[in-house]
Amino acid sequence: FHAAYSTIQYRSLLKITEDEFTGPPFEVIVELILVLILSLFAGLTVPG
């Protein structure tokens, strides 16, 4: 949810500065990779 909010906030900043959106910031991509690893870990260990 934080990565999604950061991307939305970044896009609104780009609209204010009238820049082109080329992709999410590097921090968001790193956060999404970390989310993938953590959710895979939780998905494999929580069920039993």
ModelCIF file with pLDDT and N, C-alpha, C, O atoms, coordinates in Angstrom:
data_MODEL
#
_entry.id   MODEL 
#
_entity.id                         1 
_entity.type                       polymer 
_entity.pdbx_number_of_molecules   1 
#
_entity_poly.entity_id                      1 
_entity_poly.type                           'polypeptide(L)' 
_entity_poly.nstd_linkage                   no 
_entity_poly.nstd_monomer                   no 
_entity_poly.pdbx_seq_one_letter_code       FHAAYSTIQYRSLLKITEDEFTGPPFEVIVELILVLILSLFAGLTVPG 
_entity_poly.pdbx_seq_one_letter_code_can   FHAAYSTIQYRSLLKITEDEFTGPPFEVIVELILVLILSLFAGLTVPG 
_entity_poly.pdbx_strand_id                 A 
#
loop_
_entity_poly_seq.entity_id 
_entity_poly_seq.num 
_entity_poly_seq.mon_id 
_entity_poly_seq.hetero 
1 1  PHE n 
1 2  HIS n 
1 3  ALA n 
1 4  ALA n 
1 5  TYR n 
1 6  SER n 
1 7  THR n 
1 8  ILE n 
1 9  GLN n 
1 10 TYR n 
1 11 ARG n 
1 12 SER n 
1 13 LEU n 
1 14 LEU n 
1 15 LYS n 
1 16 ILE n 
1 17 THR n 
1 18 GLU n 
1 19 ASP n 
1 20 GLU n 
1 21 PHE n 
1 22 THR n 
1 23 GLY n 
1 24 PRO n 
1 25 PRO n 
1 26 PHE n 
1 27 GLU n 
1 28 VAL n 
1 29 ILE n 
1 30 VAL n 
1 31 GLU n 
1 32 LEU n 
1 33 ILE n 
1 34 LEU n 
1 35 VAL n 
1 36 LEU n 
1 37 ILE n 
1 38 LEU n 
1 39 SER n 
1 40 LEU n 
1 41 PHE n 
1 42 ALA n 
1 43 GLY n 
1 44 LEU n 
1 45 THR n 
1 46 VAL n 
1 47 PRO n 
1 48 GLY n 
#
_struct_asym.id          A 
_struct_asym.entity_id   1 
#
loop_
_ma_qa_metric.id 
_ma_qa_metric.mode 
_ma_qa_metric.name 
_ma_qa_metric.software_group_id 
_ma_qa_metric.type 
1 global pLDDT . pLDDT 
2 local  pLDDT . pLDDT 
#
_ma_qa_metric_global.metric_id      1 
_ma_qa_metric_global.metric_value   90.73 
_ma_qa_metric_global.model_id       1 
_ma_qa_metric_global.ordinal_id     1 
#
loop_
_ma_qa_metric_local.label_asym_id 
_ma_qa_metric_local.label_comp_id 
_ma_qa_metric_local.label_seq_id 
_ma_qa_metric_local.metric_id 
_ma_qa_metric_local.metric_value 
_ma_qa_metric_local.model_id 
_ma_qa_metric_local.ordinal_id 
A PHE 1  2 96.00 1 1  
A HIS 2  2 95.00 1 2  
A ALA 3  2 95.00 1 3  
A ALA 4  2 94.00 1 4  
A TYR 5  2 95.00 1 5  
A SER 6  2 93.00 1 6  
A THR 7  2 92.00 1 7  
A ILE 8  2 92.00 1 8  
A GLN 9  2 93.00 1 9  
A TYR 10 2 92.00 1 10 
A ARG 11 2 91.00 1 11 
A SER 12 2 91.00 1 12 
A LEU 13 2 91.00 1 13 
A LEU 14 2 90.00 1 14 
A LYS 15 2 90.00 1 15 
A ILE 16 2 92.00 1 16 
A THR 17 2 91.00 1 17 
A GLU 18 2 88.00 1 18 
A ASP 19 2 87.00 1 19 
A GLU 20 2 88.00 1 20 
A PHE 21 2 83.00 1 21 
A THR 22 2 86.00 1 22 
A GLY 23 2 83.00 1 23 
A PRO 24 2 85.00 1 24 
A PRO 25 2 89.00 1 25 
A PHE 26 2 93.00 1 26 
A GLU 27 2 94.00 1 27 
A VAL 28 2 93.00 1 28 
A ILE 29 2 94.00 1 29 
A VAL 30 2 95.00 1 30 
A GLU 31 2 95.00 1 31 
A LEU 32 2 95.00 1 32 
A ILE 33 2 96.00 1 33 
A LEU 34 2 96.00 1 34 
A VAL 35 2 96.00 1 35 
A LEU 36 2 96.00 1 36 
A ILE 37 2 96.00 1 37 
A LEU 38 2 94.00 1 38 
A SER 39 2 94.00 1 39 
A LEU 40 2 93.00 1 40 
A PHE 41 2 91.00 1 41 
A ALA 42 2 90.00 1 42 
A GLY 43 2 89.00 1 43 
A LEU 44 2 86.00 1 44 
A THR 45 2 85.00 1 45 
A VAL 46 2 83.00 1 46 
A PRO 47 2 78.00 1 47 
A GLY 48 2 71.00 1 48 
#
loop_
_atom_site.group_PDB 
_atom_site.id 
_atom_site.type_symbol 
_atom_site.label_atom_id 
_atom_site.label_alt_id 
_atom_site.label_comp_id 
_atom_site.label_asym_id 
_atom_site.label_entity_id 
_atom_site.label_seq_id 
_atom_site.pdbx_PDB_ins_code 
_atom_site.Cartn_x 
_atom_site.Cartn_y 
_atom_site.Cartn_z 
_atom_site.occupancy 
_atom_site.B_iso_or_equiv 
_atom_site.pdbx_formal_charge 
_atom_site.auth_seq_id 
_atom_site.auth_comp_id 
_atom_site.auth_asym_id 
_atom_site.auth_atom_id 
_atom_site.pdbx_PDB_model_num 
ATOM 1   N N  . PHE A 1 1  ? 0.829  -1.208  0.000   1.00 96.00 ? 1  PHE A N  1 
ATOM 2   C CA . PHE A 1 1  ? 0.000  0.000   0.000   1.00 96.00 ? 1  PHE A CA 1 
ATOM 3   C C  . PHE A 1 1  ? 0.862  1.256   0.000   1.00 96.00 ? 1  PHE A C  1 
ATOM 4   O O  . PHE A 1 1  ? 0.523  2.241   -0.656  1.00 96.00 ? 1  PHE A O  1 
ATOM 5   N N  . HIS A 1 2  ? 1.977  1.230   0.732   1.00 95.00 ? 2  HIS A N  1 
ATOM 6   C CA . HIS A 1 2  ? 2.874  2.380   0.761   1.00 95.00 ? 2  HIS A CA 1 
ATOM 7   C C  . HIS A 1 2  ? 3.506  2.622   -0.611  1.00 95.00 ? 2  HIS A C  1 
ATOM 8   O O  . HIS A 1 2  ? 3.661  3.769   -1.028  1.00 95.00 ? 2  HIS A O  1 
ATOM 9   N N  . ALA A 1 3  ? 3.867  1.561   -1.304  1.00 95.00 ? 3  ALA A N  1 
ATOM 10  C CA . ALA A 1 3  ? 4.440  1.715   -2.645  1.00 95.00 ? 3  ALA A CA 1 
ATOM 11  C C  . ALA A 1 3  ? 3.411  2.298   -3.607  1.00 95.00 ? 3  ALA A C  1 
ATOM 12  O O  . ALA A 1 3  ? 3.746  3.141   -4.439  1.00 95.00 ? 3  ALA A O  1 
ATOM 13  N N  . ALA A 1 4  ? 2.167  1.855   -3.498  1.00 94.00 ? 4  ALA A N  1 
ATOM 14  C CA . ALA A 1 4  ? 1.114  2.404   -4.360  1.00 94.00 ? 4  ALA A CA 1 
ATOM 15  C C  . ALA A 1 4  ? 0.881  3.880   -4.053  1.00 94.00 ? 4  ALA A C  1 
ATOM 16  O O  . ALA A 1 4  ? 0.734  4.689   -4.969  1.00 94.00 ? 4  ALA A O  1 
ATOM 17  N N  . TYR A 1 5  ? 0.848  4.232   -2.777  1.00 95.00 ? 5  TYR A N  1 
ATOM 18  C CA . TYR A 1 5  ? 0.652  5.628   -2.384  1.00 95.00 ? 5  TYR A CA 1 
ATOM 19  C C  . TYR A 1 5  ? 1.819  6.488   -2.850  1.00 95.00 ? 5  TYR A C  1 
ATOM 20  O O  . TYR A 1 5  ? 1.614  7.615   -3.301  1.00 95.00 ? 5  TYR A O  1 
ATOM 21  N N  . SER A 1 6  ? 3.042  5.972   -2.746  1.00 93.00 ? 6  SER A N  1 
ATOM 22  C CA . SER A 1 6  ? 4.223  6.728   -3.184  1.00 93.00 ? 6  SER A CA 1 
ATOM 23  C C  . SER A 1 6  ? 4.191  6.968   -4.687  1.00 93.00 ? 6  SER A C  1 
ATOM 24  O O  . SER A 1 6  ? 4.572  8.041   -5.155  1.00 93.00 ? 6  SER A O  1 
ATOM 25  N N  . THR A 1 7  ? 3.738  5.972   -5.444  1.00 92.00 ? 7  THR A N  1 
ATOM 26  C CA . THR A 1 7  ? 3.655  6.138   -6.885  1.00 92.00 ? 7  THR A CA 1 
ATOM 27  C C  . THR A 1 7  ? 2.588  7.168   -7.256  1.00 92.00 ? 7  THR A C  1 
ATOM 28  O O  . THR A 1 7  ? 2.801  7.988   -8.149  1.00 92.00 ? 7  THR A O  1 
ATOM 29  N N  . ILE A 1 8  ? 1.453  7.128   -6.579  1.00 92.00 ? 8  ILE A N  1 
ATOM 30  C CA . ILE A 1 8  ? 0.397  8.116   -6.838  1.00 92.00 ? 8  ILE A CA 1 
ATOM 31  C C  . ILE A 1 8  ? 0.881  9.512   -6.491  1.00 92.00 ? 8  ILE A C  1 
ATOM 32  O O  . ILE A 1 8  ? 0.623  10.462  -7.230  1.00 92.00 ? 8  ILE A O  1 
ATOM 33  N N  . GLN A 1 9  ? 1.575  9.643   -5.382  1.00 93.00 ? 9  GLN A N  1 
ATOM 34  C CA . GLN A 1 9  ? 2.114  10.939  -4.972  1.00 93.00 ? 9  GLN A CA 1 
ATOM 35  C C  . GLN A 1 9  ? 3.166  11.429  -5.975  1.00 93.00 ? 9  GLN A C  1 
ATOM 36  O O  . GLN A 1 9  ? 3.219  12.620  -6.282  1.00 93.00 ? 9  GLN A O  1 
ATOM 37  N N  . TYR A 1 10 ? 3.992  10.526  -6.479  1.00 92.00 ? 10 TYR A N  1 
ATOM 38  C CA . TYR A 1 10 ? 5.007  10.877  -7.466  1.00 92.00 ? 10 TYR A CA 1 
ATOM 39  C C  . TYR A 1 10 ? 4.366  11.350  -8.767  1.00 92.00 ? 10 TYR A C  1 
ATOM 40  O O  . TYR A 1 10 ? 4.839  12.301  -9.388  1.00 92.00 ? 10 TYR A O  1 
ATOM 41  N N  . ARG A 1 11 ? 3.292  10.683  -9.174  1.00 91.00 ? 11 ARG A N  1 
ATOM 42  C CA . ARG A 1 11 ? 2.600  11.093  -10.408 1.00 91.00 ? 11 ARG A CA 1 
ATOM 43  C C  . ARG A 1 11 ? 1.943  12.452  -10.252 1.00 91.00 ? 11 ARG A C  1 
ATOM 44  O O  . ARG A 1 11 ? 1.941  13.251  -11.188 1.00 91.00 ? 11 ARG A O  1 
ATOM 45  N N  . SER A 1 12 ? 1.385  12.724  -9.074  1.00 91.00 ? 12 SER A N  1 
ATOM 46  C CA . SER A 1 12 ? 0.783  14.040  -8.869  1.00 91.00 ? 12 SER A CA 1 
ATOM 47  C C  . SER A 1 12 ? 1.854  15.130  -8.855  1.00 91.00 ? 12 SER A C  1 
ATOM 48  O O  . SER A 1 12 ? 1.605  16.246  -9.313  1.00 91.00 ? 12 SER A O  1 
ATOM 49  N N  . LEU A 1 13 ? 3.040  14.818  -8.335  1.00 91.00 ? 13 LEU A N  1 
ATOM 50  C CA . LEU A 1 13 ? 4.154  15.769  -8.379  1.00 91.00 ? 13 LEU A CA 1 
ATOM 51  C C  . LEU A 1 13 ? 4.583  16.031  -9.814  1.00 91.00 ? 13 LEU A C  1 
ATOM 52  O O  . LEU A 1 13 ? 4.902  17.165  -10.174 1.00 91.00 ? 13 LEU A O  1 
ATOM 53  N N  . LEU A 1 14 ? 4.590  14.989  -10.632 1.00 90.00 ? 14 LEU A N  1 
ATOM 54  C CA . LEU A 1 14 ? 4.949  15.168  -12.041 1.00 90.00 ? 14 LEU A CA 1 
ATOM 55  C C  . LEU A 1 14 ? 3.917  15.997  -12.794 1.00 90.00 ? 14 LEU A C  1 
ATOM 56  O O  . LEU A 1 14 ? 4.266  16.743  -13.708 1.00 90.00 ? 14 LEU A O  1 
ATOM 57  N N  . LYS A 1 15 ? 2.639  15.871  -12.412 1.00 90.00 ? 15 LYS A N  1 
ATOM 58  C CA . LYS A 1 15 ? 1.611  16.694  -13.061 1.00 90.00 ? 15 LYS A CA 1 
ATOM 59  C C  . LYS A 1 15 ? 1.796  18.162  -12.717 1.00 90.00 ? 15 LYS A C  1 
ATOM 60  O O  . LYS A 1 15 ? 1.585  19.039  -13.554 1.00 90.00 ? 15 LYS A O  1 
ATOM 61  N N  . ILE A 1 16 ? 2.196  18.420  -11.471 1.00 92.00 ? 16 ILE A N  1 
ATOM 62  C CA . ILE A 1 16 ? 2.405  19.806  -11.058 1.00 92.00 ? 16 ILE A CA 1 
ATOM 63  C C  . ILE A 1 16 ? 3.587  20.408  -11.802 1.00 92.00 ? 16 ILE A C  1 
ATOM 64  O O  . ILE A 1 16 ? 3.523  21.549  -12.258 1.00 92.00 ? 16 ILE A O  1 
ATOM 65  N N  . THR A 1 17 ? 4.657  19.648  -11.922 1.00 91.00 ? 17 THR A N  1 
ATOM 66  C CA . THR A 1 17 ? 5.854  20.139  -12.613 1.00 91.00 ? 17 THR A CA 1 
ATOM 67  C C  . THR A 1 17 ? 5.775  19.953  -14.128 1.00 91.00 ? 17 THR A C  1 
ATOM 68  O O  . THR A 1 17 ? 6.694  20.356  -14.842 1.00 91.00 ? 17 THR A O  1 
ATOM 69  N N  . GLU A 1 18 ? 4.699  19.351  -14.629 1.00 88.00 ? 18 GLU A N  1 
ATOM 70  C CA . GLU A 1 18 ? 4.444  19.114  -16.045 1.00 88.00 ? 18 GLU A CA 1 
ATOM 71  C C  . GLU A 1 18 ? 5.550  18.295  -16.701 1.00 88.00 ? 18 GLU A C  1 
ATOM 72  O O  . GLU A 1 18 ? 5.977  18.593  -17.816 1.00 88.00 ? 18 GLU A O  1 
ATOM 73  N N  . ASP A 1 19 ? 6.009  17.266  -16.002 1.00 87.00 ? 19 ASP A N  1 
ATOM 74  C CA . ASP A 1 19 ? 6.995  16.338  -16.544 1.00 87.00 ? 19 ASP A CA 1 
ATOM 75  C C  . ASP A 1 19 ? 6.293  15.088  -17.050 1.00 87.00 ? 19 ASP A C  1 
ATOM 76  O O  . ASP A 1 19 ? 5.142  14.826  -16.702 1.00 87.00 ? 19 ASP A O  1 
ATOM 77  N N  . GLU A 1 20 ? 6.991  14.325  -17.868 1.00 88.00 ? 20 GLU A N  1 
ATOM 78  C CA . GLU A 1 20 ? 6.465  13.078  -18.428 1.00 88.00 ? 20 GLU A CA 1 
ATOM 79  C C  . GLU A 1 20 ? 6.695  11.944  -17.428 1.00 88.00 ? 20 GLU A C  1 
ATOM 80  O O  . GLU A 1 20 ? 7.755  11.858  -16.808 1.00 88.00 ? 20 GLU A O  1 
ATOM 81  N N  . PHE A 1 21 ? 5.688  11.074  -17.278 1.00 83.00 ? 21 PHE A N  1 
ATOM 82  C CA . PHE A 1 21 ? 5.835  9.903   -16.396 1.00 83.00 ? 21 PHE A CA 1 
ATOM 83  C C  . PHE A 1 21 ? 6.491  8.788   -17.192 1.00 83.00 ? 21 PHE A C  1 
ATOM 84  O O  . PHE A 1 21 ? 5.914  8.286   -18.157 1.00 83.00 ? 21 PHE A O  1 
ATOM 85  N N  . THR A 1 22 ? 7.690  8.400   -16.795 1.00 86.00 ? 22 THR A N  1 
ATOM 86  C CA . THR A 1 22 ? 8.406  7.330   -17.490 1.00 86.00 ? 22 THR A CA 1 
ATOM 87  C C  . THR A 1 22 ? 8.403  6.039   -16.697 1.00 86.00 ? 22 THR A C  1 
ATOM 88  O O  . THR A 1 22 ? 8.716  4.983   -17.248 1.00 86.00 ? 22 THR A O  1 
ATOM 89  N N  . GLY A 1 23 ? 8.064  6.093   -15.436 1.00 83.00 ? 23 GLY A N  1 
ATOM 90  C CA . GLY A 1 23 ? 8.027  4.907   -14.594 1.00 83.00 ? 23 GLY A CA 1 
ATOM 91  C C  . GLY A 1 23 ? 8.119  5.308   -13.135 1.00 83.00 ? 23 GLY A C  1 
ATOM 92  O O  . GLY A 1 23 ? 8.385  6.465   -12.808 1.00 83.00 ? 23 GLY A O  1 
ATOM 93  N N  . PRO A 1 24 ? 7.895  4.334   -12.260 1.00 85.00 ? 24 PRO A N  1 
ATOM 94  C CA . PRO A 1 24 ? 7.966  4.658   -10.827 1.00 85.00 ? 24 PRO A CA 1 
ATOM 95  C C  . PRO A 1 24 ? 9.413  4.923   -10.406 1.00 85.00 ? 24 PRO A C  1 
ATOM 96  O O  . PRO A 1 24 ? 10.348 4.490   -11.080 1.00 85.00 ? 24 PRO A O  1 
ATOM 97  N N  . PRO A 1 25 ? 9.594  5.624   -9.309  1.00 89.00 ? 25 PRO A N  1 
ATOM 98  C CA . PRO A 1 25 ? 10.961 5.883   -8.837  1.00 89.00 ? 25 PRO A CA 1 
ATOM 99  C C  . PRO A 1 25 ? 11.677 4.597   -8.428  1.00 89.00 ? 25 PRO A C  1 
ATOM 100 O O  . PRO A 1 25 ? 11.043 3.565   -8.208  1.00 89.00 ? 25 PRO A O  1 
ATOM 101 N N  . PHE A 1 26 ? 12.995 4.671   -8.331  1.00 93.00 ? 26 PHE A N  1 
ATOM 102 C CA . PHE A 1 26 ? 13.813 3.517   -7.997  1.00 93.00 ? 26 PHE A CA 1 
ATOM 103 C C  . PHE A 1 26 ? 13.466 2.985   -6.608  1.00 93.00 ? 26 PHE A C  1 
ATOM 104 O O  . PHE A 1 26 ? 13.479 1.773   -6.393  1.00 93.00 ? 26 PHE A O  1 
ATOM 105 N N  . GLU A 1 27 ? 13.157 3.870   -5.669  1.00 94.00 ? 27 GLU A N  1 
ATOM 106 C CA . GLU A 1 27 ? 12.821 3.444   -4.306  1.00 94.00 ? 27 GLU A CA 1 
ATOM 107 C C  . GLU A 1 27 ? 11.564 2.574   -4.287  1.00 94.00 ? 27 GLU A C  1 
ATOM 108 O O  . GLU A 1 27 ? 11.474 1.613   -3.524  1.00 94.00 ? 27 GLU A O  1 
ATOM 109 N N  . VAL A 1 28 ? 10.607 2.920   -5.126  1.00 93.00 ? 28 VAL A N  1 
ATOM 110 C CA . VAL A 1 28 ? 9.363  2.150   -5.189  1.00 93.00 ? 28 VAL A CA 1 
ATOM 111 C C  . VAL A 1 28 ? 9.632  0.765   -5.786  1.00 93.00 ? 28 VAL A C  1 
ATOM 112 O O  . VAL A 1 28 ? 9.059  -0.223  -5.328  1.00 93.00 ? 28 VAL A O  1 
ATOM 113 N N  . ILE A 1 29 ? 10.483 0.686   -6.786  1.00 94.00 ? 29 ILE A N  1 
ATOM 114 C CA . ILE A 1 29 ? 10.805 -0.605  -7.392  1.00 94.00 ? 29 ILE A CA 1 
ATOM 115 C C  . ILE A 1 29 ? 11.514 -1.500  -6.385  1.00 94.00 ? 29 ILE A C  1 
ATOM 116 O O  . ILE A 1 29 ? 11.222 -2.693  -6.301  1.00 94.00 ? 29 ILE A O  1 
ATOM 117 N N  . VAL A 1 30 ? 12.446 -0.932  -5.621  1.00 95.00 ? 30 VAL A N  1 
ATOM 118 C CA . VAL A 1 30 ? 13.137 -1.705  -4.587  1.00 95.00 ? 30 VAL A CA 1 
ATOM 119 C C  . VAL A 1 30 ? 12.142 -2.170  -3.528  1.00 95.00 ? 30 VAL A C  1 
ATOM 120 O O  . VAL A 1 30 ? 12.211 -3.303  -3.053  1.00 95.00 ? 30 VAL A O  1 
ATOM 121 N N  . GLU A 1 31 ? 11.212 -1.281  -3.162  1.00 95.00 ? 31 GLU A N  1 
ATOM 122 C CA . GLU A 1 31 ? 10.198 -1.642  -2.174  1.00 95.00 ? 31 GLU A CA 1 
ATOM 123 C C  . GLU A 1 31 ? 9.296  -2.771  -2.687  1.00 95.00 ? 31 GLU A C  1 
ATOM 124 O O  . GLU A 1 31 ? 8.924  -3.658  -1.919  1.00 95.00 ? 31 GLU A O  1 
ATOM 125 N N  . LEU A 1 32 ? 8.949  -2.746  -3.957  1.00 95.00 ? 32 LEU A N  1 
ATOM 126 C CA . LEU A 1 32 ? 8.113  -3.800  -4.525  1.00 95.00 ? 32 LEU A CA 1 
ATOM 127 C C  . LEU A 1 32 ? 8.844  -5.133  -4.589  1.00 95.00 ? 32 LEU A C  1 
ATOM 128 O O  . LEU A 1 32 ? 8.227  -6.178  -4.384  1.00 95.00 ? 32 LEU A O  1 
ATOM 129 N N  . ILE A 1 33 ? 10.142 -5.120  -4.866  1.00 96.00 ? 33 ILE A N  1 
ATOM 130 C CA . ILE A 1 33 ? 10.917 -6.369  -4.850  1.00 96.00 ? 33 ILE A CA 1 
ATOM 131 C C  . ILE A 1 33 ? 10.970 -6.931  -3.445  1.00 96.00 ? 33 ILE A C  1 
ATOM 132 O O  . ILE A 1 33 ? 10.856 -8.142  -3.255  1.00 96.00 ? 33 ILE A O  1 
ATOM 133 N N  . LEU A 1 34 ? 11.144 -6.052  -2.444  1.00 96.00 ? 34 LEU A N  1 
ATOM 134 C CA . LEU A 1 34 ? 11.144 -6.495  -1.050  1.00 96.00 ? 34 LEU A CA 1 
ATOM 135 C C  . LEU A 1 34 ? 9.771  -7.044  -0.646  1.00 96.00 ? 34 LEU A C  1 
ATOM 136 O O  . LEU A 1 34 ? 9.686  -8.027  0.090   1.00 96.00 ? 34 LEU A O  1 
ATOM 137 N N  . VAL A 1 35 ? 8.704  -6.408  -1.128  1.00 96.00 ? 35 VAL A N  1 
ATOM 138 C CA . VAL A 1 35 ? 7.343  -6.895  -0.854  1.00 96.00 ? 35 VAL A CA 1 
ATOM 139 C C  . VAL A 1 35 ? 7.148  -8.275  -1.465  1.00 96.00 ? 35 VAL A C  1 
ATOM 140 O O  . VAL A 1 35 ? 6.537  -9.143  -0.842  1.00 96.00 ? 35 VAL A O  1 
ATOM 141 N N  . LEU A 1 36 ? 7.651  -8.490  -2.661  1.00 96.00 ? 36 LEU A N  1 
ATOM 142 C CA . LEU A 1 36 ? 7.531  -9.795  -3.309  1.00 96.00 ? 36 LEU A CA 1 
ATOM 143 C C  . LEU A 1 36 ? 8.223  -10.874 -2.483  1.00 96.00 ? 36 LEU A C  1 
ATOM 144 O O  . LEU A 1 36 ? 7.664  -11.950 -2.272  1.00 96.00 ? 36 LEU A O  1 
ATOM 145 N N  . ILE A 1 37 ? 9.420  -10.594 -2.023  1.00 96.00 ? 37 ILE A N  1 
ATOM 146 C CA . ILE A 1 37 ? 10.165 -11.575 -1.235  1.00 96.00 ? 37 ILE A CA 1 
ATOM 147 C C  . ILE A 1 37 ? 9.456  -11.861 0.086   1.00 96.00 ? 37 ILE A C  1 
ATOM 148 O O  . ILE A 1 37 ? 9.316  -13.019 0.480   1.00 96.00 ? 37 ILE A O  1 
ATOM 149 N N  . LEU A 1 38 ? 9.007  -10.804 0.774   1.00 94.00 ? 38 LEU A N  1 
ATOM 150 C CA . LEU A 1 38 ? 8.341  -10.993 2.071   1.00 94.00 ? 38 LEU A CA 1 
ATOM 151 C C  . LEU A 1 38 ? 7.008  -11.726 1.925   1.00 94.00 ? 38 LEU A C  1 
ATOM 152 O O  . LEU A 1 38 ? 6.673  -12.583 2.743   1.00 94.00 ? 38 LEU A O  1 
ATOM 153 N N  . SER A 1 39 ? 6.247  -11.384 0.876   1.00 94.00 ? 39 SER A N  1 
ATOM 154 C CA . SER A 1 39 ? 4.951  -12.048 0.715   1.00 94.00 ? 39 SER A CA 1 
ATOM 155 C C  . SER A 1 39 ? 5.118  -13.507 0.301   1.00 94.00 ? 39 SER A C  1 
ATOM 156 O O  . SER A 1 39 ? 4.322  -14.352 0.709   1.00 94.00 ? 39 SER A O  1 
ATOM 157 N N  . LEU A 1 40 ? 6.132  -13.817 -0.498  1.00 93.00 ? 40 LEU A N  1 
ATOM 158 C CA . LEU A 1 40 ? 6.394  -15.220 -0.819  1.00 93.00 ? 40 LEU A CA 1 
ATOM 159 C C  . LEU A 1 40 ? 6.791  -16.000 0.426   1.00 93.00 ? 40 LEU A C  1 
ATOM 160 O O  . LEU A 1 40 ? 6.348  -17.132 0.622   1.00 93.00 ? 40 LEU A O  1 
ATOM 161 N N  . PHE A 1 41 ? 7.619  -15.400 1.262   1.00 91.00 ? 41 PHE A N  1 
ATOM 162 C CA . PHE A 1 41 ? 8.017  -16.049 2.502   1.00 91.00 ? 41 PHE A CA 1 
ATOM 163 C C  . PHE A 1 41 ? 6.798  -16.298 3.396   1.00 91.00 ? 41 PHE A C  1 
ATOM 164 O O  . PHE A 1 41 ? 6.621  -17.393 3.928   1.00 91.00 ? 41 PHE A O  1 
ATOM 165 N N  . ALA A 1 42 ? 5.964  -15.269 3.552   1.00 90.00 ? 42 ALA A N  1 
ATOM 166 C CA . ALA A 1 42 ? 4.783  -15.416 4.408   1.00 90.00 ? 42 ALA A CA 1 
ATOM 167 C C  . ALA A 1 42 ? 3.787  -16.400 3.810   1.00 90.00 ? 42 ALA A C  1 
ATOM 168 O O  . ALA A 1 42 ? 3.165  -17.172 4.539   1.00 90.00 ? 42 ALA A O  1 
ATOM 169 N N  . GLY A 1 43 ? 3.632  -16.379 2.499   1.00 89.00 ? 43 GLY A N  1 
ATOM 170 C CA . GLY A 1 43 ? 2.692  -17.284 1.852   1.00 89.00 ? 43 GLY A CA 1 
ATOM 171 C C  . GLY A 1 43 ? 3.090  -18.744 1.957   1.00 89.00 ? 43 GLY A C  1 
ATOM 172 O O  . GLY A 1 43 ? 2.234  -19.628 1.976   1.00 89.00 ? 43 GLY A O  1 
ATOM 173 N N  . LEU A 1 44 ? 4.392  -18.997 2.024   1.00 86.00 ? 44 LEU A N  1 
ATOM 174 C CA . LEU A 1 44 ? 4.850  -20.377 2.128   1.00 86.00 ? 44 LEU A CA 1 
ATOM 175 C C  . LEU A 1 44 ? 4.939  -20.873 3.569   1.00 86.00 ? 44 LEU A C  1 
ATOM 176 O O  . LEU A 1 44 ? 4.893  -22.081 3.800   1.00 86.00 ? 44 LEU A O  1 
ATOM 177 N N  . THR A 1 45 ? 5.064  -19.984 4.529   1.00 85.00 ? 45 THR A N  1 
ATOM 178 C CA . THR A 1 45 ? 5.240  -20.425 5.916   1.00 85.00 ? 45 THR A CA 1 
ATOM 179 C C  . THR A 1 45 ? 3.975  -20.340 6.753   1.00 85.00 ? 45 THR A C  1 
ATOM 180 O O  . THR A 1 45 ? 3.831  -21.114 7.698   1.00 85.00 ? 45 THR A O  1 
ATOM 181 N N  . VAL A 1 46 ? 3.057  -19.438 6.450   1.00 83.00 ? 46 VAL A N  1 
ATOM 182 C CA . VAL A 1 46 ? 1.851  -19.280 7.286   1.00 83.00 ? 46 VAL A CA 1 
ATOM 183 C C  . VAL A 1 46 ? 0.900  -20.465 7.181   1.00 83.00 ? 46 VAL A C  1 
ATOM 184 O O  . VAL A 1 46 ? 0.401  -20.910 8.214   1.00 83.00 ? 46 VAL A O  1 
ATOM 185 N N  . PRO A 1 47 ? 0.614  -21.010 5.980   1.00 78.00 ? 47 PRO A N  1 
ATOM 186 C CA . PRO A 1 47 ? -0.370 -22.093 5.919   1.00 78.00 ? 47 PRO A CA 1 
ATOM 187 C C  . PRO A 1 47 ? 0.006  -23.340 6.706   1.00 78.00 ? 47 PRO A C  1 
ATOM 188 O O  . PRO A 1 47 ? -0.889 -24.073 7.128   1.00 78.00 ? 47 PRO A O  1 
ATOM 189 N N  . GLY A 1 48 ? 1.259  -23.607 6.918   1.00 71.00 ? 48 GLY A N  1 
ATOM 190 C CA . GLY A 1 48 ? 1.649  -24.782 7.688   1.00 71.00 ? 48 GLY A CA 1 
ATOM 191 C C  . GLY A 1 48 ? 2.464  -25.744 6.852   1.00 71.00 ? 48 GLY A C  1 
ATOM 192 O O  . GLY A 1 48 ? 2.877  -26.794 7.345   1.00 71.00 ? 48 GLY A O  1 
#
